[in-house]
Protein backbone atom coordinates (compact mmCIF):
# COMPACT_ATOMS: atom_id res chain seq x y z
CA MET A 1 123.95 86.12 99.10
CA LEU A 2 120.54 86.42 100.76
CA HIS A 3 117.66 83.53 101.03
CA GLN A 4 114.53 84.30 99.70
CA LYS A 5 113.28 85.34 103.52
CA GLY A 6 115.99 87.93 103.72
CA LEU A 7 117.86 85.87 105.87
CA PRO A 8 121.70 84.75 104.72
CA ARG A 9 122.64 81.63 103.57
CA SER A 10 125.08 79.26 105.73
CA ARG A 11 126.06 75.75 105.95
CA ALA A 12 123.71 75.56 108.88
CA ALA A 13 120.92 75.98 106.27
CA TYR A 14 122.12 72.94 104.44
CA GLY A 15 122.56 70.59 107.59
CA CYS A 16 126.10 71.55 108.49
CA PRO A 17 127.49 69.07 111.16
CA ASN A 18 128.73 71.67 113.33
CA ARG A 19 127.06 72.75 115.93
CA HIS A 20 128.15 76.03 116.58
CA ASN A 21 125.91 78.73 118.10
CA MET A 22 125.44 80.62 114.82
CA HIS A 23 124.61 78.05 113.02
CA ARG A 24 121.97 76.86 115.76
CA LEU A 25 120.65 80.33 115.52
CA VAL A 26 120.28 80.14 111.93
CA ARG A 27 119.02 76.91 111.75
CA LEU A 28 116.15 77.74 114.22
CA LYS A 29 115.16 80.74 112.11
CA LEU A 30 115.19 78.78 108.91
CA ARG A 31 113.08 75.78 110.34
CA PRO A 32 110.94 76.70 113.53
CA GLU A 33 110.06 72.74 114.09
CA ALA A 34 113.83 72.40 115.06
CA ALA A 35 113.51 74.55 118.25
CA ALA A 36 111.20 72.08 119.61
CA THR A 37 113.67 69.22 118.68
CA GLU A 38 116.59 70.94 120.28
CA ALA A 39 115.02 71.83 123.44
CA ARG A 40 114.10 68.13 123.78
CA THR A 41 117.20 66.86 123.03
CA THR A 42 119.51 69.04 124.96
CA LYS A 43 121.24 67.52 127.95
CA LYS A 44 123.90 68.33 130.59
CA GLN A 45 127.07 67.12 129.14
CA LEU A 46 129.51 65.47 130.84
CA SER A 47 132.93 66.96 132.18
CA PHE A 48 135.86 65.18 131.27
CA PRO A 49 137.31 63.18 133.72
CA PHE A 50 139.95 64.75 136.08
CA VAL A 51 142.23 61.79 136.22
CA ARG A 52 142.51 61.75 132.41
CA ILE A 53 144.05 65.13 132.25
CA GLN A 54 147.56 64.25 131.17
CA GLY A 55 150.40 66.67 132.44
CA GLN A 56 149.60 70.17 134.12
CA GLU A 57 150.94 68.38 137.48
CA ASP A 58 151.13 71.80 139.33
CA MET A 59 147.70 73.02 138.40
CA LYS A 60 146.20 69.94 139.30
CA LEU A 61 147.99 70.29 142.54
CA ALA A 62 147.01 73.72 143.19
CA LEU A 63 143.07 72.82 142.10
CA LEU A 64 143.03 69.83 144.67
CA LEU A 65 144.72 71.67 147.55
CA ASN A 66 142.05 74.23 146.93
CA VAL A 67 139.34 72.10 147.12
CA ILE A 68 140.87 70.56 150.40
CA ASP A 69 141.59 73.84 152.24
CA PRO A 70 139.23 76.94 150.80
CA ASN A 71 141.40 78.93 153.13
CA ILE A 72 143.76 79.08 150.23
CA GLY A 73 141.48 81.58 148.63
CA GLY A 74 141.51 80.59 145.05
CA VAL A 75 143.84 79.66 142.13
CA LEU A 76 144.63 81.75 139.25
CA ILE A 77 145.30 79.72 136.10
CA MET A 78 147.04 81.19 133.34
CA GLY A 79 148.40 79.47 130.25
CA ASP A 80 148.49 79.20 126.50
CA ARG A 81 145.55 78.11 124.73
CA GLY A 82 144.41 74.11 124.49
CA THR A 83 146.38 73.86 128.00
CA ALA A 84 143.30 72.12 129.53
CA LYS A 85 142.29 75.10 131.75
CA SER A 86 138.64 74.99 131.57
CA VAL A 87 138.65 71.56 131.38
CA ALA A 88 140.40 70.96 134.81
CA VAL A 89 138.33 73.38 136.48
CA ARG A 90 135.04 71.99 135.11
CA ALA A 91 136.39 68.40 136.04
CA VAL A 92 137.03 69.41 139.23
CA ALA A 93 133.87 70.98 139.89
CA GLY A 94 132.15 67.73 138.84
CA LEU A 95 133.86 66.05 141.84
CA LEU A 96 132.56 68.17 144.36
CA PRO A 97 130.03 67.32 146.81
CA PRO A 98 126.74 69.86 146.93
CA LEU A 99 127.10 72.88 149.29
CA GLU A 100 125.22 73.74 152.29
CA VAL A 101 124.70 77.61 151.47
CA VAL A 102 122.47 80.48 152.96
CA GLU A 103 119.23 80.73 151.18
CA GLY A 104 119.21 83.63 148.67
CA ASP A 105 122.51 84.47 149.35
CA PRO A 106 124.50 86.32 146.51
CA PHE A 107 127.89 85.14 148.23
CA ASN A 108 126.87 81.48 148.70
CA SER A 109 127.78 81.98 152.51
CA SER A 110 128.14 79.18 154.69
CA PRO A 111 125.31 79.00 157.35
CA THR A 112 127.55 78.09 160.25
CA ASP A 113 131.01 79.50 160.08
CA PRO A 114 131.66 83.14 160.14
CA LYS A 115 134.60 82.97 158.26
CA LEU A 116 132.75 82.08 155.02
CA MET A 117 129.86 84.40 155.35
CA GLY A 118 129.24 87.54 153.08
CA PRO A 119 128.30 90.68 155.10
CA ASP A 120 124.66 90.24 154.87
CA ALA A 121 124.71 86.69 156.26
CA LEU A 122 127.52 88.07 159.01
CA ALA A 123 125.36 90.66 160.31
CA ARG A 124 122.31 88.17 160.23
CA PHE A 125 124.30 85.61 162.05
CA ARG A 126 125.60 87.94 164.61
CA SER A 127 122.20 89.44 165.56
CA GLY A 128 121.48 85.74 166.48
CA GLU A 129 119.49 85.12 163.54
CA LYS A 130 118.78 81.05 162.83
CA LEU A 131 119.87 81.52 158.80
CA PRO A 132 118.24 78.99 156.65
CA ALA A 133 120.04 76.77 154.60
CA VAL A 134 120.06 75.00 151.28
CA GLN A 135 122.00 72.40 149.29
CA THR A 136 123.31 73.94 146.40
CA ARG A 137 125.93 72.41 143.64
CA THR A 138 129.24 74.29 143.43
CA PRO A 139 129.34 77.11 141.66
CA LEU A 140 131.38 77.69 138.32
């Protein structure tokens, strides 16, 4: 069934409490004033506290060990739906301090440690250039 302006009717048009992306898009098309309101009310959502995750002890240990020693090289997390995989990773990322990285480097290279540099930053470092550093959040 089509709305009078050619848009399909959906639950979003009737004030559906769900905030799915589809509903949000339809709502913004039907009510342009909602776009301005939504832009003002959008906040950074806090992640779930890492210590509150129940079970998954091996996964939590692997993530913490990778935070302590990045030379491990990462963690591959696999599991069924609903086992807090993404929640755990977001929670750990929220605990990490800001990183000092080479400005403009796509690999987030360390400005001082050659083992943690991408190829371009490493070549510049070996040529004796002082690499400009900036602080950034841990990418997720």
